[in-house]
Amino acid sequence: MRDSVRKTWGVHRVENKHEVMPIFVVGYVNSLEVRRQIDKEVEQYKDLLVISAVDSYRNNTFKLFAAIEYAASPIECSTPDFVFLVDDDYIVHIPNLIKFATSKQKSDLVYEGFVFETSPFRIKVHKHSISLKEYPYSRYPPYVSAGAVFLSSATVQRFNSSMRNLRVFPFDDVFTGILAKTVDVPATHNENFIFWTRRVTREEWIGGVIAAHGFAKKNLEYEYNEIFG
């Protein structure tokens, strides 16, 4: 998927005088062959942030930690005004993202995307199940879907200063909602971050859609070229 993202929207570029720098956060994999491929990618593209936690769904919170810490104190660039945490099965409209970002101030406390207000699943066989011991409350705080989360620099710094003090939660989006509530950053819903998988029309993209979910490797490139090609 990373190659498909690089071929489409995930290109290091300057757009309307704003630098866009995609970074892929990658967890540890057991396969030696895959690790060697990742090492080659690091050398070739220099856009990977590789962490020691095993790459698995319930370890995504560790990827969140790495992304926030890197954004708060990047090594080879200046601190970004805004950070967009996005999964690789999304298409992102970069001009719309920049237009949206420039309507904000980096000093604002921005935590924005498609917001959910849900209850924990207690069914053990469910992918998102959580025990009463892990989370004893009946409702989660409002949280932005982890697939597309827009943050200001001020929010990144506030998250970074407090996130390691909280108990690690297996679902990164819920964890971020808990963190946001803890540090008094409101979750803001935005319909231009489309979570539910569906066909997004060219007119919708023109109208301001920033990101849309649900693209596998093959149809990500096809759909992107159909819309933007």
C-alpha atoms as a PDB file:
ATOM      1  CA  MET A   1       0.000   0.000   0.000  1.00  0.00           C
ATOM      2  CA  ARG A   2       2.841   2.424   0.661  1.00  0.00           C
ATOM      3  CA  ASP A   3       3.861   2.327  -3.001  1.00  0.00           C
ATOM      4  CA  SER A   4       0.284   3.086  -4.051  1.00  0.00           C
ATOM      5  CA  VAL A   5       0.153   6.024  -1.647  1.00  0.00           C
ATOM      6  CA  ARG A   6       3.489   7.333  -2.942  1.00  0.00           C
ATOM      7  CA  LYS A   7       2.235   7.080  -6.535  1.00  0.00           C
ATOM      8  CA  THR A   8      -0.878   9.085  -5.727  1.00  0.00           C
ATOM      9  CA  TRP A   9      -1.426  11.561  -2.907  1.00  0.00           C
ATOM     10  CA  GLY A  10       1.465  10.687  -0.575  1.00  0.00           C
ATOM     11  CA  VAL A  11       4.230  12.565  -2.343  1.00  0.00           C
ATOM     12  CA  HIS A  12       6.628  14.943  -0.597  1.00  0.00           C
ATOM     13  CA  ARG A  13       5.769  18.221  -2.250  1.00  0.00           C
ATOM     14  CA  VAL A  14       5.279  21.938  -1.926  1.00  0.00           C
ATOM     15  CA  GLU A  15       1.659  22.865  -2.633  1.00  0.00           C
ATOM     16  CA  ASN A  16       0.656  26.540  -2.655  1.00  0.00           C
ATOM     17  CA  LYS A  17       3.839  27.398  -0.729  1.00  0.00           C
ATOM     18  CA  HIS A  18       3.063  24.798   1.944  1.00  0.00           C
ATOM     19  CA  GLU A  19       5.334  21.790   2.384  1.00  0.00           C
ATOM     20  CA  VAL A  20       3.607  18.411   2.626  1.00  0.00           C
ATOM     21  CA  MET A  21       5.835  15.667   4.037  1.00  0.00           C
ATOM     22  CA  PRO A  22       4.311  12.161   4.302  1.00  0.00           C
ATOM     23  CA  ILE A  23       5.862   9.840   6.883  1.00  0.00           C
ATOM     24  CA  PHE A  24       4.889   6.151   7.174  1.00  0.00           C
ATOM     25  CA  VAL A  25       4.915   4.674  10.686  1.00  0.00           C
ATOM     26  CA  VAL A  26       5.823   0.980  10.519  1.00  0.00           C
ATOM     27  CA  GLY A  27       5.871  -1.600  13.302  1.00  0.00           C
ATOM     28  CA  TYR A  28       8.150  -4.591  13.810  1.00  0.00           C
ATOM     29  CA  VAL A  29       7.487  -7.695  11.684  1.00  0.00           C
ATOM     30  CA  ASN A  30       8.798 -11.197  12.335  1.00  0.00           C
ATOM     31  CA  SER A  31       9.626 -11.975   8.715  1.00  0.00           C
ATOM     32  CA  LEU A  32      13.305 -11.360   7.992  1.00  0.00           C
ATOM     33  CA  GLU A  33      12.529 -10.921   4.304  1.00  0.00           C
ATOM     34  CA  VAL A  34       9.954  -8.208   5.026  1.00  0.00           C
ATOM     35  CA  ARG A  35      12.348  -6.455   7.415  1.00  0.00           C
ATOM     36  CA  ARG A  36      14.971  -6.382   4.671  1.00  0.00           C
ATOM     37  CA  GLN A  37      12.427  -4.882   2.298  1.00  0.00           C
ATOM     38  CA  ILE A  38      11.595  -2.240   4.886  1.00  0.00           C
ATOM     39  CA  ASP A  39      15.303  -1.448   5.293  1.00  0.00           C
ATOM     40  CA  LYS A  40      15.526  -0.929   1.524  1.00  0.00           C
ATOM     41  CA  GLU A  41      12.523   1.386   1.642  1.00  0.00           C
ATOM     42  CA  VAL A  42      14.099   3.396   4.432  1.00  0.00           C
ATOM     43  CA  GLU A  43      17.241   3.845   2.358  1.00  0.00           C
ATOM     44  CA  GLN A  44      15.414   4.585  -0.887  1.00  0.00           C
ATOM     45  CA  TYR A  45      12.586   6.859   0.229  1.00  0.00           C
ATOM     46  CA  LYS A  46      13.647   8.105   3.668  1.00  0.00           C
ATOM     47  CA  ASP A  47       9.982   8.422   4.616  1.00  0.00           C
ATOM     48  CA  LEU A  48       9.602   5.579   7.139  1.00  0.00           C
ATOM     49  CA  LEU A  49       9.490   5.818  10.909  1.00  0.00           C
ATOM     50  CA  VAL A  50      10.128   2.260  12.134  1.00  0.00           C
ATOM     51  CA  ILE A  51       9.222   1.373  15.718  1.00  0.00           C
ATOM     52  CA  SER A  52      10.011  -1.657  17.879  1.00  0.00           C
ATOM     53  CA  ALA A  53       6.405  -2.610  18.734  1.00  0.00           C
ATOM     54  CA  VAL A  54       5.017  -5.531  16.739  1.00  0.00           C
ATOM     55  CA  ASP A  55       2.914  -4.353  13.802  1.00  0.00           C
ATOM     56  CA  SER A  56      -0.583  -5.436  14.858  1.00  0.00           C
ATOM     57  CA  TYR A  57      -4.022  -3.866  15.193  1.00  0.00           C
ATOM     58  CA  ARG A  58      -3.937  -3.713  18.977  1.00  0.00           C
ATOM     59  CA  ASN A  59      -0.498  -2.099  18.921  1.00  0.00           C
ATOM     60  CA  ASN A  60      -1.611   0.883  16.867  1.00  0.00           C
ATOM     61  CA  THR A  61      -1.483   3.065  19.970  1.00  0.00           C
ATOM     62  CA  PHE A  62       2.310   2.645  19.950  1.00  0.00           C
ATOM     63  CA  LYS A  63       2.333   3.919  16.375  1.00  0.00           C
ATOM     64  CA  LEU A  64       0.333   6.895  17.607  1.00  0.00           C
ATOM     65  CA  PHE A  65       2.944   7.547  20.303  1.00  0.00           C
ATOM     66  CA  ALA A  66       5.719   7.446  17.710  1.00  0.00           C
ATOM     67  CA  ALA A  67       3.886   9.766  15.327  1.00  0.00           C
ATOM     68  CA  ILE A  68       3.078  12.325  18.016  1.00  0.00           C
ATOM     69  CA  GLU A  69       6.590  12.261  19.480  1.00  0.00           C
ATOM     70  CA  TYR A  70       8.160  12.655  16.050  1.00  0.00           C
ATOM     71  CA  ALA A  71       5.806  15.501  15.108  1.00  0.00           C
ATOM     72  CA  ALA A  72       6.519  17.248  18.409  1.00  0.00           C
ATOM     73  CA  SER A  73      10.297  17.057  17.889  1.00  0.00           C
ATOM     74  CA  PRO A  74      11.157  16.078  14.301  1.00  0.00           C
ATOM     75  CA  ILE A  75      14.753  15.180  13.562  1.00  0.00           C
ATOM     76  CA  GLU A  76      15.399  16.502  10.067  1.00  0.00           C
ATOM     77  CA  CYS A  77      12.827  19.270   9.618  1.00  0.00           C
ATOM     78  CA  SER A  78      11.123  22.077  11.501  1.00  0.00           C
ATOM     79  CA  THR A  79       8.129  21.379  13.717  1.00  0.00           C
ATOM     80  CA  PRO A  80       5.021  21.186  11.510  1.00  0.00           C
ATOM     81  CA  ASP A  81       2.147  23.613  11.977  1.00  0.00           C
ATOM     82  CA  PHE A  82      -0.333  20.773  11.489  1.00  0.00           C
ATOM     83  CA  VAL A  83      -0.257  16.974  11.515  1.00  0.00           C
ATOM     84  CA  PHE A  84      -2.634  14.672   9.643  1.00  0.00           C
ATOM     85  CA  LEU A  85      -2.650  11.080  10.901  1.00  0.00           C
ATOM     86  CA  VAL A  86      -4.114   8.958   8.118  1.00  0.00           C
ATOM     87  CA  ASP A  87      -4.368   5.257   7.253  1.00  0.00           C
ATOM     88  CA  ASP A  88      -3.013   3.963   3.961  1.00  0.00           C
ATOM     89  CA  ASP A  89      -6.450   2.882   2.721  1.00  0.00           C
ATOM     90  CA  TYR A  90      -7.565   6.506   2.419  1.00  0.00           C
ATOM     91  CA  ILE A  91      -7.405   8.889  -0.513  1.00  0.00           C
ATOM     92  CA  VAL A  92      -6.451  12.412   0.531  1.00  0.00           C
ATOM     93  CA  HIS A  93      -7.180  15.537  -1.503  1.00  0.00           C
ATOM     94  CA  ILE A  94      -4.031  17.520  -0.718  1.00  0.00           C
ATOM     95  CA  PRO A  95      -5.236  20.925  -2.037  1.00  0.00           C
ATOM     96  CA  ASN A  96      -8.412  20.616   0.067  1.00  0.00           C
ATOM     97  CA  LEU A  97      -6.338  19.551   3.072  1.00  0.00           C
ATOM     98  CA  ILE A  98      -4.130  22.617   2.712  1.00  0.00           C
ATOM     99  CA  LYS A  99      -7.121  24.912   2.240  1.00  0.00           C
ATOM    100  CA  PHE A 100      -8.619  23.468   5.406  1.00  0.00           C
ATOM    101  CA  ALA A 101      -5.342  23.758   7.334  1.00  0.00           C
ATOM    102  CA  THR A 102      -4.852  27.392   6.345  1.00  0.00           C
ATOM    103  CA  SER A 103      -8.271  28.199   7.815  1.00  0.00           C
ATOM    104  CA  LYS A 104      -6.852  27.232  11.226  1.00  0.00           C
ATOM    105  CA  GLN A 105      -4.128  28.579  13.480  1.00  0.00           C
ATOM    106  CA  LYS A 106      -1.364  26.286  14.682  1.00  0.00           C
ATOM    107  CA  SER A 107      -1.919  27.692  18.177  1.00  0.00           C
ATOM    108  CA  ASP A 108      -5.567  26.541  18.137  1.00  0.00           C
ATOM    109  CA  LEU A 109      -6.387  23.292  19.922  1.00  0.00           C
ATOM    110  CA  VAL A 110      -7.535  21.330  16.864  1.00  0.00           C
ATOM    111  CA  TYR A 111      -8.516  17.652  17.056  1.00  0.00           C
ATOM    112  CA  GLU A 112     -10.796  17.094  14.080  1.00  0.00           C
ATOM    113  CA  GLY A 113     -12.178  14.418  11.785  1.00  0.00           C
ATOM    114  CA  PHE A 114     -15.088  11.967  11.740  1.00  0.00           C
ATOM    115  CA  VAL A 115     -16.211  11.818  15.366  1.00  0.00           C
ATOM    116  CA  PHE A 116     -17.796   8.799  17.040  1.00  0.00           C
ATOM    117  CA  GLU A 117     -19.589   8.588  20.383  1.00  0.00           C
ATOM    118  CA  THR A 118     -19.893   4.894  21.179  1.00  0.00           C
ATOM    119  CA  SER A 119     -20.053   2.301  23.929  1.00  0.00           C
ATOM    120  CA  PRO A 120     -17.493  -0.478  24.467  1.00  0.00           C
ATOM    121  CA  PHE A 121     -18.090  -3.885  22.882  1.00  0.00           C
ATOM    122  CA  ARG A 122     -18.133  -6.577  25.563  1.00  0.00           C
ATOM    123  CA  ILE A 123     -18.478  -9.579  23.216  1.00  0.00           C
ATOM    124  CA  LYS A 124     -15.178 -11.458  23.449  1.00  0.00           C
ATOM    125  CA  VAL A 125     -15.077 -12.585  19.810  1.00  0.00           C
ATOM    126  CA  HIS A 126     -15.531  -9.036  18.510  1.00  0.00           C
ATOM    127  CA  LYS A 127     -12.495  -7.277  17.021  1.00  0.00           C
ATOM    128  CA  HIS A 128     -13.165  -4.245  19.198  1.00  0.00           C
ATOM    129  CA  SER A 129     -14.068  -6.112  22.388  1.00  0.00           C
ATOM    130  CA  ILE A 130     -12.802  -4.674  25.642  1.00  0.00           C
ATOM    131  CA  SER A 131     -13.188  -6.097  29.135  1.00  0.00           C
ATOM    132  CA  LEU A 132     -14.622  -4.289  32.140  1.00  0.00           C
ATOM    133  CA  LYS A 133     -11.197  -4.546  33.735  1.00  0.00           C
ATOM    134  CA  GLU A 134      -9.629  -2.714  30.798  1.00  0.00           C
ATOM    135  CA  TYR A 135     -12.375  -0.081  30.616  1.00  0.00           C
ATOM    136  CA  PRO A 136     -15.050  -0.083  33.358  1.00  0.00           C
ATOM    137  CA  TYR A 137     -17.203   2.734  31.965  1.00  0.00           C
ATOM    138  CA  SER A 138     -20.325   2.440  29.797  1.00  0.00           C
ATOM    139  CA  ARG A 139     -19.376   5.087  27.222  1.00  0.00           C
ATOM    140  CA  TYR A 140     -16.235   6.228  25.476  1.00  0.00           C
ATOM    141  CA  PRO A 141     -15.512   9.944  25.299  1.00  0.00           C
ATOM    142  CA  PRO A 142     -16.007  11.443  21.816  1.00  0.00           C
ATOM    143  CA  TYR A 143     -13.137  10.379  19.570  1.00  0.00           C
ATOM    144  CA  VAL A 144     -12.048  10.962  15.988  1.00  0.00           C
ATOM    145  CA  SER A 145     -11.832   7.838  13.825  1.00  0.00           C
ATOM    146  CA  ALA A 146      -8.171   6.843  13.741  1.00  0.00           C
ATOM    147  CA  GLY A 147      -8.158   6.625   9.952  1.00  0.00           C
ATOM    148  CA  ALA A 148      -8.021  10.386   9.462  1.00  0.00           C
ATOM    149  CA  VAL A 149      -7.151  12.669  12.378  1.00  0.00           C
ATOM    150  CA  PHE A 150      -6.219  16.321  11.923  1.00  0.00           C
ATOM    151  CA  LEU A 151      -4.188  17.970  14.683  1.00  0.00           C
ATOM    152  CA  SER A 152      -2.704  21.399  15.210  1.00  0.00           C
ATOM    153  CA  SER A 153       0.802  21.908  16.537  1.00  0.00           C
ATOM    154  CA  ALA A 154      -0.636  23.081  19.858  1.00  0.00           C
ATOM    155  CA  THR A 155      -2.637  19.867  20.186  1.00  0.00           C
ATOM    156  CA  VAL A 156       0.368  17.740  19.265  1.00  0.00           C
ATOM    157  CA  GLN A 157       2.430  19.393  21.992  1.00  0.00           C
ATOM    158  CA  ARG A 158      -0.341  18.991  24.553  1.00  0.00           C
ATOM    159  CA  PHE A 159      -0.849  15.339  23.624  1.00  0.00           C
ATOM    160  CA  ASN A 160       2.883  14.685  23.699  1.00  0.00           C
ATOM    161  CA  SER A 161       3.274  16.079  27.199  1.00  0.00           C
ATOM    162  CA  SER A 162       0.572  13.832  28.672  1.00  0.00           C
ATOM    163  CA  MET A 163       0.018  10.678  26.607  1.00  0.00           C
ATOM    164  CA  ARG A 164       2.712   8.575  28.288  1.00  0.00           C
ATOM    165  CA  ASN A 165       1.075   9.235  31.651  1.00  0.00           C
ATOM    166  CA  LEU A 166      -2.088   7.392  30.632  1.00  0.00           C
ATOM    167  CA  ARG A 167      -2.653   3.666  30.645  1.00  0.00           C
ATOM    168  CA  VAL A 168      -2.133   2.280  27.148  1.00  0.00           C
ATOM    169  CA  PHE A 169      -5.424   1.412  25.472  1.00  0.00           C
ATOM    170  CA  PRO A 170      -5.509  -1.095  22.579  1.00  0.00           C
ATOM    171  CA  PHE A 171      -7.585   1.107  20.249  1.00  0.00           C
ATOM    172  CA  ASP A 172      -5.651   4.179  19.219  1.00  0.00           C
ATOM    173  CA  ASP A 173      -8.682   6.269  18.285  1.00  0.00           C
ATOM    174  CA  VAL A 174     -10.413   5.649  21.613  1.00  0.00           C
ATOM    175  CA  PHE A 175      -7.127   6.244  23.433  1.00  0.00           C
ATOM    176  CA  THR A 176      -6.794   9.582  21.640  1.00  0.00           C
ATOM    177  CA  GLY A 177     -10.332  10.493  22.693  1.00  0.00           C
ATOM    178  CA  ILE A 178      -9.478   9.665  26.308  1.00  0.00           C
ATOM    179  CA  LEU A 179      -6.275  11.674  26.006  1.00  0.00           C
ATOM    180  CA  ALA A 180      -8.100  14.621  24.434  1.00  0.00           C
ATOM    181  CA  LYS A 181     -10.658  14.650  27.237  1.00  0.00           C
ATOM    182  CA  THR A 182      -7.886  14.446  29.827  1.00  0.00           C
ATOM    183  CA  VAL A 183      -6.075  17.497  28.414  1.00  0.00           C
ATOM    184  CA  ASP A 184      -9.243  19.468  27.560  1.00  0.00           C
ATOM    185  CA  VAL A 185      -9.060  19.318  23.772  1.00  0.00           C
ATOM    186  CA  PRO A 186     -12.522  18.946  22.198  1.00  0.00           C
ATOM    187  CA  ALA A 187     -13.160  16.474  19.384  1.00  0.00           C
ATOM    188  CA  THR A 188     -14.638  18.309  16.386  1.00  0.00           C
ATOM    189  CA  HIS A 189     -16.722  16.466  13.787  1.00  0.00           C
ATOM    190  CA  ASN A 190     -16.118  17.251  10.119  1.00  0.00           C
ATOM    191  CA  GLU A 191     -18.153  15.604   7.343  1.00  0.00           C
ATOM    192  CA  ASN A 192     -15.346  16.226   4.848  1.00  0.00           C
ATOM    193  CA  PHE A 193     -13.456  13.348   6.446  1.00  0.00           C
ATOM    194  CA  ILE A 194     -15.465  10.407   5.095  1.00  0.00           C
ATOM    195  CA  PHE A 195     -15.239   7.276   7.209  1.00  0.00           C
ATOM    196  CA  TRP A 196     -17.906   4.983   5.747  1.00  0.00           C
ATOM    197  CA  THR A 197     -16.732   3.215   2.615  1.00  0.00           C
ATOM    198  CA  ARG A 198     -18.600   4.480  -0.437  1.00  0.00           C
ATOM    199  CA  ARG A 199     -17.970   6.006  -3.836  1.00  0.00           C
ATOM    200  CA  VAL A 200     -17.124   9.686  -3.468  1.00  0.00           C
ATOM    201  CA  THR A 201     -18.007  11.641  -6.587  1.00  0.00           C
ATOM    202  CA  ARG A 202     -15.781  14.127  -8.352  1.00  0.00           C
ATOM    203  CA  GLU A 203     -18.298  16.818  -7.401  1.00  0.00           C
ATOM    204  CA  GLU A 204     -17.891  15.965  -3.721  1.00  0.00           C
ATOM    205  CA  TRP A 205     -14.116  16.243  -3.975  1.00  0.00           C
ATOM    206  CA  ILE A 206     -14.508  19.589  -5.725  1.00  0.00           C
ATOM    207  CA  GLY A 207     -16.941  20.580  -2.985  1.00  0.00           C
ATOM    208  CA  GLY A 208     -14.352  20.129  -0.254  1.00  0.00           C
ATOM    209  CA  VAL A 209     -13.968  16.469   0.729  1.00  0.00           C
ATOM    210  CA  ILE A 210     -10.545  16.100   2.329  1.00  0.00           C
ATOM    211  CA  ALA A 211     -10.176  12.342   2.818  1.00  0.00           C
ATOM    212  CA  ALA A 212     -12.192   9.225   2.008  1.00  0.00           C
ATOM    213  CA  HIS A 213     -11.855   5.712   3.395  1.00  0.00           C
ATOM    214  CA  GLY A 214     -11.992   2.222   1.942  1.00  0.00           C
ATOM    215  CA  PHE A 215      -9.456   1.813  -0.845  1.00  0.00           C
ATOM    216  CA  ALA A 216      -7.459  -1.359  -1.367  1.00  0.00           C
ATOM    217  CA  LYS A 217      -4.119  -1.249  -3.167  1.00  0.00           C
ATOM    218  CA  LYS A 218      -5.489  -1.720  -6.687  1.00  0.00           C
ATOM    219  CA  ASN A 219      -8.508   0.532  -6.504  1.00  0.00           C
ATOM    220  CA  LEU A 220      -6.679   3.296  -4.636  1.00  0.00           C
ATOM    221  CA  GLU A 221      -4.540   4.059  -7.674  1.00  0.00           C
ATOM    222  CA  TYR A 222      -7.433   3.529 -10.090  1.00  0.00           C
ATOM    223  CA  GLU A 223      -9.863   5.737  -8.170  1.00  0.00           C
ATOM    224  CA  TYR A 224      -7.257   8.426  -7.606  1.00  0.00           C
ATOM    225  CA  ASN A 225      -6.409   8.598 -11.302  1.00  0.00           C
ATOM    226  CA  GLU A 226     -10.100   8.578 -12.238  1.00  0.00           C
ATOM    227  CA  ILE A 227     -10.734  11.561  -9.983  1.00  0.00           C
ATOM    228  CA  PHE A 228      -7.523  13.538 -10.256  1.00  0.00           C
ATOM    229  CA  GLY A 229      -5.844  12.180 -13.391  1.00  0.00           C
END
